[in-house]
């Protein structure tokens, strides 16, 4: 499980970043790939985007410990570039393994890379938002990545609408 299938990624990373959270979680959140902070700390979503994700989780009435959080890739791409399809393919068995063990009721894909790789589609995140999909027995919802929100704050409103939709689908209270 050392993650050496992608020599470029393996040689550039500090460590492999595995998913974290409740292994019996109802909710699985999937992001793109570790960034510099995640590579340094060995945990997904700990940088600025992770801090925003924490705020979103709290606003939904959840705790980070109630969800499981992982990425499509377990290694940081050089220069924080978008993961290549073959890199995502090399990590796919690890992602599928996490999904099988956690067996979530709901999966939230944060960003186009997560959504496209999980579901095998080329549709844009804008077209995937606001709908549900199935992956095994899990209901999948897609929204913008928190790092996108940091660059485009007006999109926070769209993500909040997506999260209210997610909460409604999950049968949880929807904050006003």
N, C-alpha and C. Protein backbone atom coordinates (compact mmCIF):
# COMPACT_ATOMS: atom_id res chain seq x y z
N UNK A 1 0.82 -1.20 0.00
CA UNK A 1 0.00 0.00 0.00
C UNK A 1 0.85 1.26 0.00
N UNK A 2 2.07 1.15 -0.46
CA UNK A 2 2.95 2.31 -0.42
C UNK A 2 2.64 3.33 -1.49
N UNK A 3 1.91 2.95 -2.52
CA UNK A 3 1.52 3.92 -3.54
C UNK A 3 2.66 4.30 -4.45
N UNK A 4 3.28 3.33 -5.11
CA UNK A 4 4.41 3.64 -5.99
C UNK A 4 4.10 3.34 -7.45
N UNK A 5 2.85 3.24 -7.82
CA UNK A 5 2.49 2.99 -9.22
C UNK A 5 2.78 4.19 -10.10
N UNK A 6 2.71 5.38 -9.56
CA UNK A 6 2.97 6.61 -10.30
C UNK A 6 4.32 7.14 -9.84
N UNK A 7 5.36 6.83 -10.59
CA UNK A 7 6.70 7.20 -10.15
C UNK A 7 6.86 8.71 -9.97
N UNK A 8 6.24 9.51 -10.87
CA UNK A 8 6.35 10.97 -10.74
C UNK A 8 5.74 11.44 -9.43
N UNK A 9 4.57 10.90 -9.09
CA UNK A 9 3.92 11.30 -7.84
C UNK A 9 4.68 10.77 -6.64
N UNK A 10 5.10 9.52 -6.70
CA UNK A 10 5.80 8.90 -5.57
C UNK A 10 7.11 9.63 -5.27
N UNK A 11 7.80 10.09 -6.31
CA UNK A 11 9.09 10.75 -6.09
C UNK A 11 8.93 12.18 -5.59
N UNK A 12 7.77 12.79 -5.84
CA UNK A 12 7.57 14.19 -5.46
C UNK A 12 6.85 14.37 -4.13
N UNK A 13 6.19 13.34 -3.64
CA UNK A 13 5.40 13.47 -2.42
C UNK A 13 6.25 13.35 -1.17
N UNK A 14 5.73 13.87 -0.07
CA UNK A 14 6.34 13.65 1.23
C UNK A 14 5.85 12.34 1.81
N UNK A 15 4.54 12.09 1.64
CA UNK A 15 3.94 10.86 2.15
C UNK A 15 2.65 10.57 1.40
N UNK A 16 2.17 9.35 1.57
CA UNK A 16 0.88 8.96 1.01
C UNK A 16 -0.20 9.47 1.95
N UNK A 17 -1.24 10.09 1.38
CA UNK A 17 -2.33 10.66 2.19
C UNK A 17 -3.55 9.76 2.06
N UNK A 18 -3.83 9.03 3.12
CA UNK A 18 -4.99 8.14 3.15
C UNK A 18 -6.21 8.91 3.65
N UNK A 19 -7.38 8.34 3.44
CA UNK A 19 -8.61 8.94 3.94
C UNK A 19 -8.65 8.90 5.46
N UNK A 20 -9.49 9.77 6.03
CA UNK A 20 -9.65 9.83 7.49
C UNK A 20 -11.12 9.98 7.83
N UNK A 21 -11.44 9.60 9.05
CA UNK A 21 -12.80 9.80 9.54
C UNK A 21 -13.40 8.53 10.09
N UNK A 22 -14.69 8.57 10.22
CA UNK A 22 -15.45 7.47 10.78
C UNK A 22 -15.59 6.34 9.75
N UNK A 23 -15.03 5.16 10.02
CA UNK A 23 -15.13 4.08 9.03
C UNK A 23 -16.54 3.51 8.87
N UNK A 24 -17.46 3.91 9.75
CA UNK A 24 -18.87 3.52 9.60
C UNK A 24 -19.74 4.72 9.21
N UNK A 25 -19.13 5.73 8.63
CA UNK A 25 -19.84 6.97 8.30
C UNK A 25 -20.94 6.74 7.28
N UNK A 26 -22.03 7.46 7.45
CA UNK A 26 -23.09 7.48 6.43
C UNK A 26 -22.66 8.31 5.23
N UNK A 27 -21.72 9.24 5.47
CA UNK A 27 -21.36 10.22 4.46
C UNK A 27 -19.88 10.13 4.12
N UNK A 28 -19.59 9.98 2.84
CA UNK A 28 -18.22 9.95 2.33
C UNK A 28 -18.03 11.19 1.47
N UNK A 29 -17.02 11.98 1.80
CA UNK A 29 -16.68 13.18 1.03
C UNK A 29 -15.41 12.87 0.25
N UNK A 30 -15.45 13.07 -1.06
CA UNK A 30 -14.30 12.78 -1.92
C UNK A 30 -13.83 14.06 -2.59
N UNK A 31 -12.54 14.35 -2.45
CA UNK A 31 -11.92 15.49 -3.10
C UNK A 31 -11.01 15.04 -4.24
N UNK A 32 -10.15 15.94 -4.67
CA UNK A 32 -9.31 15.70 -5.84
C UNK A 32 -8.01 14.99 -5.49
N UNK A 33 -7.13 15.70 -4.79
CA UNK A 33 -5.80 15.18 -4.48
C UNK A 33 -5.22 16.00 -3.34
N UNK A 34 -4.24 15.45 -2.63
CA UNK A 34 -3.62 16.23 -1.57
C UNK A 34 -2.92 17.47 -2.12
N UNK A 35 -3.00 18.56 -1.38
CA UNK A 35 -2.22 19.75 -1.67
C UNK A 35 -0.98 19.75 -0.79
N UNK A 36 -0.28 20.86 -0.75
CA UNK A 36 0.97 20.94 0.02
C UNK A 36 0.74 20.68 1.50
N UNK A 37 -0.30 21.29 2.08
CA UNK A 37 -0.57 21.09 3.51
C UNK A 37 -0.92 19.64 3.81
N UNK A 38 -1.71 19.04 2.94
CA UNK A 38 -2.12 17.65 3.13
C UNK A 38 -0.92 16.72 3.00
N UNK A 39 -0.05 17.01 2.04
CA UNK A 39 1.16 16.21 1.84
C UNK A 39 2.06 16.30 3.08
N UNK A 40 2.15 17.48 3.66
CA UNK A 40 2.99 17.67 4.85
C UNK A 40 2.40 17.00 6.08
N UNK A 41 1.07 17.08 6.24
CA UNK A 41 0.43 16.58 7.46
C UNK A 41 -0.11 15.16 7.34
N UNK A 42 -0.23 14.66 6.11
CA UNK A 42 -0.68 13.29 5.92
C UNK A 42 -2.17 13.07 6.10
N UNK A 43 -2.96 14.13 5.96
CA UNK A 43 -4.40 14.04 6.14
C UNK A 43 -5.09 14.89 5.08
N UNK A 44 -6.21 14.40 4.49
CA UNK A 44 -6.89 15.19 3.48
C UNK A 44 -7.61 16.41 4.05
N UNK A 45 -7.70 17.44 3.25
CA UNK A 45 -8.46 18.65 3.57
C UNK A 45 -8.04 19.28 4.91
N UNK A 46 -6.76 19.62 5.03
CA UNK A 46 -6.30 20.31 6.24
C UNK A 46 -5.81 21.73 5.95
N UNK A 47 -5.66 22.10 4.69
CA UNK A 47 -5.23 23.45 4.33
C UNK A 47 -6.40 24.41 4.33
N UNK A 48 -6.27 25.49 3.60
CA UNK A 48 -7.32 26.52 3.56
C UNK A 48 -8.65 25.94 3.05
N UNK A 49 -8.59 25.10 2.02
CA UNK A 49 -9.82 24.47 1.52
C UNK A 49 -10.43 23.56 2.58
N UNK A 50 -9.58 22.89 3.33
CA UNK A 50 -10.06 22.03 4.41
C UNK A 50 -10.72 22.81 5.53
N UNK A 51 -10.18 23.98 5.82
CA UNK A 51 -10.80 24.82 6.85
C UNK A 51 -12.19 25.27 6.41
N UNK A 52 -12.32 25.59 5.12
CA UNK A 52 -13.63 25.96 4.60
C UNK A 52 -14.57 24.74 4.62
N UNK A 53 -14.05 23.58 4.26
CA UNK A 53 -14.87 22.37 4.32
C UNK A 53 -15.36 22.12 5.75
N UNK A 54 -14.49 22.33 6.73
CA UNK A 54 -14.91 22.18 8.14
C UNK A 54 -16.08 23.10 8.46
N UNK A 55 -16.03 24.34 7.98
CA UNK A 55 -17.13 25.28 8.21
C UNK A 55 -18.41 24.81 7.54
N UNK A 56 -18.29 24.25 6.35
CA UNK A 56 -19.46 23.73 5.64
C UNK A 56 -20.06 22.56 6.42
N UNK A 57 -19.21 21.68 6.90
CA UNK A 57 -19.67 20.53 7.68
C UNK A 57 -20.44 20.99 8.92
N UNK A 58 -19.88 21.96 9.64
CA UNK A 58 -20.54 22.49 10.84
C UNK A 58 -21.86 23.17 10.48
N UNK A 59 -21.86 23.95 9.40
CA UNK A 59 -23.09 24.63 8.97
C UNK A 59 -24.20 23.63 8.64
N UNK A 60 -23.81 22.43 8.24
CA UNK A 60 -24.78 21.37 7.94
C UNK A 60 -25.26 20.65 9.19
N UNK A 61 -24.73 21.04 10.35
CA UNK A 61 -25.12 20.38 11.59
C UNK A 61 -24.39 19.07 11.83
N UNK A 62 -23.29 18.87 11.13
CA UNK A 62 -22.49 17.66 11.28
C UNK A 62 -21.17 17.97 11.95
N UNK A 63 -20.44 16.93 12.30
CA UNK A 63 -19.07 17.05 12.82
C UNK A 63 -18.15 16.33 11.84
N UNK A 64 -16.93 16.82 11.71
CA UNK A 64 -15.97 16.17 10.80
C UNK A 64 -15.81 14.70 11.15
N UNK A 65 -15.91 14.36 12.43
CA UNK A 65 -15.75 12.98 12.88
C UNK A 65 -16.90 12.08 12.41
N UNK A 66 -17.98 12.68 11.93
CA UNK A 66 -19.13 11.90 11.47
C UNK A 66 -19.04 11.52 10.00
N UNK A 67 -18.08 12.06 9.30
CA UNK A 67 -17.93 11.77 7.88
C UNK A 67 -16.58 11.09 7.64
N UNK A 68 -16.44 10.51 6.48
CA UNK A 68 -15.15 9.98 6.06
C UNK A 68 -14.72 10.82 4.88
N UNK A 69 -13.47 11.25 4.88
CA UNK A 69 -12.96 12.18 3.86
C UNK A 69 -11.74 11.56 3.19
N UNK A 70 -11.77 11.54 1.86
CA UNK A 70 -10.64 11.03 1.11
C UNK A 70 -10.52 11.80 -0.20
N UNK A 71 -9.56 11.42 -1.01
CA UNK A 71 -9.33 12.04 -2.31
C UNK A 71 -9.26 10.98 -3.39
N UNK A 72 -9.42 11.41 -4.63
CA UNK A 72 -9.23 10.53 -5.78
C UNK A 72 -7.79 10.02 -5.79
N UNK A 73 -6.82 10.90 -5.58
CA UNK A 73 -5.41 10.52 -5.50
C UNK A 73 -4.95 10.51 -4.05
N UNK A 74 -3.97 9.68 -3.76
CA UNK A 74 -3.39 9.64 -2.42
C UNK A 74 -2.05 10.37 -2.35
N UNK A 75 -1.55 10.82 -3.50
CA UNK A 75 -0.27 11.53 -3.55
C UNK A 75 -0.48 12.90 -4.20
N UNK A 76 0.31 13.86 -3.76
CA UNK A 76 0.20 15.22 -4.30
C UNK A 76 0.82 15.30 -5.69
N UNK A 77 0.07 15.78 -6.67
CA UNK A 77 0.66 16.01 -8.00
C UNK A 77 1.65 17.17 -7.94
N UNK A 78 2.77 17.07 -8.67
CA UNK A 78 3.75 18.16 -8.68
C UNK A 78 3.11 19.48 -9.11
N UNK A 79 3.47 20.54 -8.42
CA UNK A 79 2.95 21.86 -8.76
C UNK A 79 1.46 22.00 -8.54
N UNK A 80 0.90 21.07 -7.79
CA UNK A 80 -0.54 21.09 -7.49
C UNK A 80 -1.39 21.00 -8.76
N UNK A 81 -0.84 20.37 -9.80
CA UNK A 81 -1.57 20.25 -11.06
C UNK A 81 -2.74 19.28 -10.91
N UNK A 82 -3.65 19.33 -11.88
CA UNK A 82 -4.80 18.43 -11.90
C UNK A 82 -4.30 17.00 -12.11
N UNK A 83 -4.89 16.03 -11.42
CA UNK A 83 -4.47 14.64 -11.62
C UNK A 83 -4.68 14.18 -13.06
N UNK A 84 -3.74 13.40 -13.55
CA UNK A 84 -3.87 12.80 -14.88
C UNK A 84 -4.78 11.58 -14.79
N UNK A 85 -5.50 11.27 -15.86
CA UNK A 85 -6.41 10.11 -15.82
C UNK A 85 -5.72 8.81 -15.40
N UNK A 86 -4.50 8.58 -15.88
CA UNK A 86 -3.81 7.33 -15.51
C UNK A 86 -3.44 7.32 -14.03
N UNK A 87 -3.17 8.49 -13.46
CA UNK A 87 -2.89 8.55 -12.02
C UNK A 87 -4.15 8.21 -11.22
N UNK A 88 -5.27 8.78 -11.64
CA UNK A 88 -6.54 8.46 -10.98
C UNK A 88 -6.84 6.98 -11.12
N UNK A 89 -6.56 6.42 -12.28
CA UNK A 89 -6.77 4.99 -12.50
C UNK A 89 -5.91 4.14 -11.59
N UNK A 90 -4.67 4.58 -11.38
CA UNK A 90 -3.76 3.84 -10.51
C UNK A 90 -4.21 3.84 -9.06
N UNK A 91 -4.92 4.86 -8.65
CA UNK A 91 -5.42 4.94 -7.27
C UNK A 91 -6.85 4.40 -7.13
N UNK A 92 -7.46 4.03 -8.23
CA UNK A 92 -8.88 3.66 -8.20
C UNK A 92 -9.18 2.48 -7.26
N UNK A 93 -8.31 1.48 -7.25
CA UNK A 93 -8.60 0.34 -6.38
C UNK A 93 -8.60 0.75 -4.91
N UNK A 94 -7.79 1.73 -4.54
CA UNK A 94 -7.77 2.21 -3.15
C UNK A 94 -9.06 2.96 -2.85
N UNK A 95 -9.51 3.78 -3.78
CA UNK A 95 -10.77 4.50 -3.61
C UNK A 95 -11.93 3.51 -3.51
N UNK A 96 -11.97 2.56 -4.44
CA UNK A 96 -13.04 1.56 -4.41
C UNK A 96 -13.01 0.75 -3.12
N UNK A 97 -11.81 0.46 -2.63
CA UNK A 97 -11.68 -0.27 -1.37
C UNK A 97 -12.23 0.51 -0.19
N UNK A 98 -11.94 1.81 -0.16
CA UNK A 98 -12.48 2.65 0.91
C UNK A 98 -14.00 2.70 0.85
N UNK A 99 -14.54 2.85 -0.35
CA UNK A 99 -15.99 2.90 -0.51
C UNK A 99 -16.61 1.58 -0.04
N UNK A 100 -15.99 0.46 -0.40
CA UNK A 100 -16.52 -0.85 -0.01
C UNK A 100 -16.51 -1.03 1.51
N UNK A 101 -15.43 -0.62 2.16
CA UNK A 101 -15.32 -0.78 3.62
C UNK A 101 -16.28 0.15 4.35
N UNK A 102 -16.34 1.40 3.92
CA UNK A 102 -17.19 2.38 4.60
C UNK A 102 -18.67 2.12 4.28
N UNK A 103 -18.95 1.73 3.05
CA UNK A 103 -20.32 1.45 2.60
C UNK A 103 -21.25 2.61 2.95
N UNK A 104 -20.93 3.82 2.47
CA UNK A 104 -21.72 4.99 2.85
C UNK A 104 -23.11 5.01 2.22
N UNK A 105 -24.00 5.73 2.86
CA UNK A 105 -25.31 5.98 2.27
C UNK A 105 -25.22 7.07 1.21
N UNK A 106 -24.33 8.04 1.45
CA UNK A 106 -24.20 9.20 0.56
C UNK A 106 -22.73 9.49 0.30
N UNK A 107 -22.45 9.89 -0.93
CA UNK A 107 -21.12 10.35 -1.32
C UNK A 107 -21.28 11.76 -1.87
N UNK A 108 -20.46 12.68 -1.37
CA UNK A 108 -20.41 14.03 -1.93
C UNK A 108 -19.08 14.16 -2.64
N UNK A 109 -19.14 14.42 -3.94
CA UNK A 109 -17.94 14.66 -4.74
C UNK A 109 -17.68 16.16 -4.75
N UNK A 110 -16.53 16.55 -4.23
CA UNK A 110 -16.14 17.95 -4.15
C UNK A 110 -15.29 18.28 -5.36
N UNK A 111 -15.92 18.86 -6.39
CA UNK A 111 -15.20 19.29 -7.58
C UNK A 111 -15.34 18.32 -8.74
N UNK A 112 -15.01 18.84 -9.92
CA UNK A 112 -15.15 18.08 -11.16
C UNK A 112 -14.26 16.85 -11.18
N UNK A 113 -13.03 16.96 -10.71
CA UNK A 113 -12.12 15.82 -10.77
C UNK A 113 -12.67 14.65 -9.98
N UNK A 114 -13.16 14.90 -8.78
CA UNK A 114 -13.73 13.82 -7.97
C UNK A 114 -14.96 13.23 -8.65
N UNK A 115 -15.86 14.09 -9.11
CA UNK A 115 -17.10 13.62 -9.73
C UNK A 115 -16.82 12.84 -11.02
N UNK A 116 -15.99 13.40 -11.87
CA UNK A 116 -15.73 12.76 -13.16
C UNK A 116 -15.03 11.42 -12.98
N UNK A 117 -14.09 11.35 -12.05
CA UNK A 117 -13.37 10.10 -11.83
C UNK A 117 -14.23 9.04 -11.16
N UNK A 118 -15.01 9.43 -10.17
CA UNK A 118 -15.85 8.45 -9.49
C UNK A 118 -16.89 7.88 -10.45
N UNK A 119 -17.51 8.75 -11.22
CA UNK A 119 -18.64 8.32 -12.04
C UNK A 119 -18.29 8.02 -13.49
N UNK A 120 -17.04 8.24 -13.88
CA UNK A 120 -16.64 7.93 -15.24
C UNK A 120 -17.34 8.77 -16.28
N UNK A 121 -17.46 10.06 -16.00
CA UNK A 121 -18.13 10.97 -16.92
C UNK A 121 -17.20 12.13 -17.26
N UNK A 122 -17.52 12.83 -18.33
CA UNK A 122 -16.78 14.04 -18.68
C UNK A 122 -17.64 15.28 -18.49
N UNK A 123 -18.84 15.10 -17.94
CA UNK A 123 -19.73 16.25 -17.71
C UNK A 123 -19.08 17.23 -16.75
N UNK A 124 -19.36 18.51 -16.96
CA UNK A 124 -18.81 19.55 -16.10
C UNK A 124 -19.49 19.51 -14.73
N UNK A 125 -18.82 20.05 -13.74
CA UNK A 125 -19.41 20.09 -12.40
C UNK A 125 -20.69 20.92 -12.41
N UNK A 126 -20.74 21.94 -13.23
CA UNK A 126 -21.95 22.75 -13.34
C UNK A 126 -23.15 21.94 -13.81
N UNK A 127 -22.92 20.97 -14.68
CA UNK A 127 -24.01 20.12 -15.17
C UNK A 127 -24.33 18.98 -14.20
N UNK A 128 -23.38 18.61 -13.36
CA UNK A 128 -23.60 17.51 -12.41
C UNK A 128 -24.28 17.96 -11.12
N UNK A 129 -24.16 19.23 -10.80
CA UNK A 129 -24.76 19.77 -9.57
C UNK A 129 -26.28 19.67 -9.63
N UNK A 130 -26.89 19.55 -8.44
CA UNK A 130 -28.34 19.61 -8.35
C UNK A 130 -29.06 18.34 -8.75
N UNK A 131 -28.32 17.27 -8.95
CA UNK A 131 -28.91 15.98 -9.31
C UNK A 131 -28.31 14.91 -8.41
N UNK A 132 -28.96 13.78 -8.34
CA UNK A 132 -28.39 12.64 -7.62
C UNK A 132 -28.03 11.55 -8.62
N UNK A 133 -27.04 10.77 -8.24
CA UNK A 133 -26.56 9.64 -9.03
C UNK A 133 -26.40 8.46 -8.08
N UNK A 134 -26.24 7.29 -8.62
CA UNK A 134 -25.99 6.11 -7.79
C UNK A 134 -24.59 5.58 -8.06
N UNK A 135 -23.92 5.19 -7.00
CA UNK A 135 -22.65 4.48 -7.08
C UNK A 135 -22.79 3.32 -6.10
N UNK A 136 -23.01 2.13 -6.63
CA UNK A 136 -23.36 1.02 -5.75
C UNK A 136 -24.67 1.36 -5.07
N UNK A 137 -24.70 1.25 -3.76
CA UNK A 137 -25.94 1.58 -3.05
C UNK A 137 -25.95 3.04 -2.57
N UNK A 138 -24.84 3.75 -2.78
CA UNK A 138 -24.73 5.13 -2.30
C UNK A 138 -25.35 6.12 -3.27
N UNK A 139 -26.02 7.11 -2.71
CA UNK A 139 -26.51 8.24 -3.48
C UNK A 139 -25.37 9.25 -3.58
N UNK A 140 -25.08 9.70 -4.78
CA UNK A 140 -23.96 10.62 -5.03
C UNK A 140 -24.49 12.00 -5.38
N UNK A 141 -23.92 13.01 -4.74
CA UNK A 141 -24.19 14.41 -5.06
C UNK A 141 -22.86 15.08 -5.38
N UNK A 142 -22.90 16.06 -6.26
CA UNK A 142 -21.68 16.74 -6.69
C UNK A 142 -21.81 18.24 -6.46
N UNK A 143 -20.71 18.86 -6.06
CA UNK A 143 -20.69 20.30 -5.87
C UNK A 143 -19.28 20.82 -6.13
N UNK A 144 -19.14 22.13 -6.03
CA UNK A 144 -17.83 22.75 -6.25
C UNK A 144 -16.86 22.40 -5.13
N UNK A 145 -15.59 22.33 -5.48
CA UNK A 145 -14.53 22.06 -4.52
C UNK A 145 -14.32 23.29 -3.64
N UNK A 146 -14.04 23.11 -2.35
CA UNK A 146 -13.79 24.27 -1.49
C UNK A 146 -12.68 25.20 -1.99
N UNK A 147 -11.66 24.66 -2.66
CA UNK A 147 -10.61 25.54 -3.19
C UNK A 147 -11.17 26.47 -4.27
N UNK A 148 -12.15 25.99 -5.03
CA UNK A 148 -12.82 26.84 -6.02
C UNK A 148 -13.55 27.98 -5.31
N UNK A 149 -14.17 27.66 -4.19
CA UNK A 149 -14.90 28.69 -3.43
C UNK A 149 -13.97 29.76 -2.90
N UNK A 150 -12.75 29.38 -2.54
CA UNK A 150 -11.77 30.36 -2.06
C UNK A 150 -11.40 31.33 -3.18
N UNK A 151 -11.39 30.85 -4.41
CA UNK A 151 -11.07 31.71 -5.56
C UNK A 151 -12.30 32.43 -6.10
N UNK A 152 -13.48 31.88 -5.84
CA UNK A 152 -14.74 32.42 -6.38
C UNK A 152 -15.80 32.45 -5.28
N UNK A 153 -15.66 33.37 -4.31
CA UNK A 153 -16.59 33.40 -3.17
C UNK A 153 -18.08 33.44 -3.52
N UNK A 154 -18.50 34.07 -4.63
CA UNK A 154 -19.94 34.05 -4.92
C UNK A 154 -20.52 32.64 -5.10
N UNK A 155 -19.67 31.67 -5.43
CA UNK A 155 -20.14 30.29 -5.63
C UNK A 155 -20.49 29.61 -4.30
N UNK A 156 -20.15 30.24 -3.18
CA UNK A 156 -20.51 29.66 -1.88
C UNK A 156 -22.03 29.48 -1.76
N UNK A 157 -22.77 30.42 -2.35
CA UNK A 157 -24.23 30.31 -2.31
C UNK A 157 -24.69 29.04 -3.01
N UNK A 158 -24.08 28.73 -4.15
CA UNK A 158 -24.43 27.51 -4.89
C UNK A 158 -24.12 26.26 -4.06
N UNK A 159 -22.98 26.26 -3.41
CA UNK A 159 -22.61 25.10 -2.59
C UNK A 159 -23.57 24.96 -1.41
N UNK A 160 -23.98 26.07 -0.82
CA UNK A 160 -24.93 25.98 0.28
C UNK A 160 -26.25 25.39 -0.20
N UNK A 161 -26.69 25.76 -1.39
CA UNK A 161 -27.90 25.16 -1.96
C UNK A 161 -27.70 23.66 -2.18
N UNK A 162 -26.52 23.30 -2.67
CA UNK A 162 -26.21 21.87 -2.86
C UNK A 162 -26.22 21.12 -1.53
N UNK A 163 -25.68 21.74 -0.49
CA UNK A 163 -25.63 21.07 0.81
C UNK A 163 -27.02 20.96 1.43
N UNK A 164 -27.86 21.95 1.21
CA UNK A 164 -29.25 21.83 1.70
C UNK A 164 -29.96 20.69 0.96
N UNK A 165 -29.71 20.56 -0.32
CA UNK A 165 -30.26 19.46 -1.11
C UNK A 165 -29.75 18.12 -0.55
N UNK A 166 -28.46 18.05 -0.25
CA UNK A 166 -27.85 16.85 0.33
C UNK A 166 -28.52 16.50 1.66
N UNK A 167 -28.68 17.48 2.54
CA UNK A 167 -29.30 17.23 3.84
C UNK A 167 -30.73 16.73 3.69
N UNK A 168 -31.46 17.34 2.77
CA UNK A 168 -32.84 16.90 2.52
C UNK A 168 -32.86 15.46 2.03
N UNK A 169 -31.99 15.14 1.09
CA UNK A 169 -31.90 13.77 0.57
C UNK A 169 -31.53 12.78 1.67
N UNK A 170 -30.69 13.23 2.62
CA UNK A 170 -30.24 12.37 3.72
C UNK A 170 -31.25 12.29 4.85
N UNK A 171 -32.34 13.06 4.75
CA UNK A 171 -33.35 13.05 5.80
C UNK A 171 -32.92 13.76 7.06
N UNK A 172 -32.02 14.72 6.92
CA UNK A 172 -31.52 15.49 8.06
C UNK A 172 -32.14 16.88 8.07
N UNK A 173 -32.16 17.53 9.23
CA UNK A 173 -32.69 18.90 9.30
C UNK A 173 -31.91 19.83 8.37
N UNK A 174 -32.64 20.69 7.70
CA UNK A 174 -32.03 21.65 6.79
C UNK A 174 -32.03 23.02 7.46
N UNK A 175 -30.84 23.56 7.79
CA UNK A 175 -30.79 24.89 8.40
C UNK A 175 -31.37 25.95 7.48
N UNK A 176 -31.92 26.99 8.08
CA UNK A 176 -32.53 28.07 7.29
C UNK A 176 -31.48 28.87 6.56
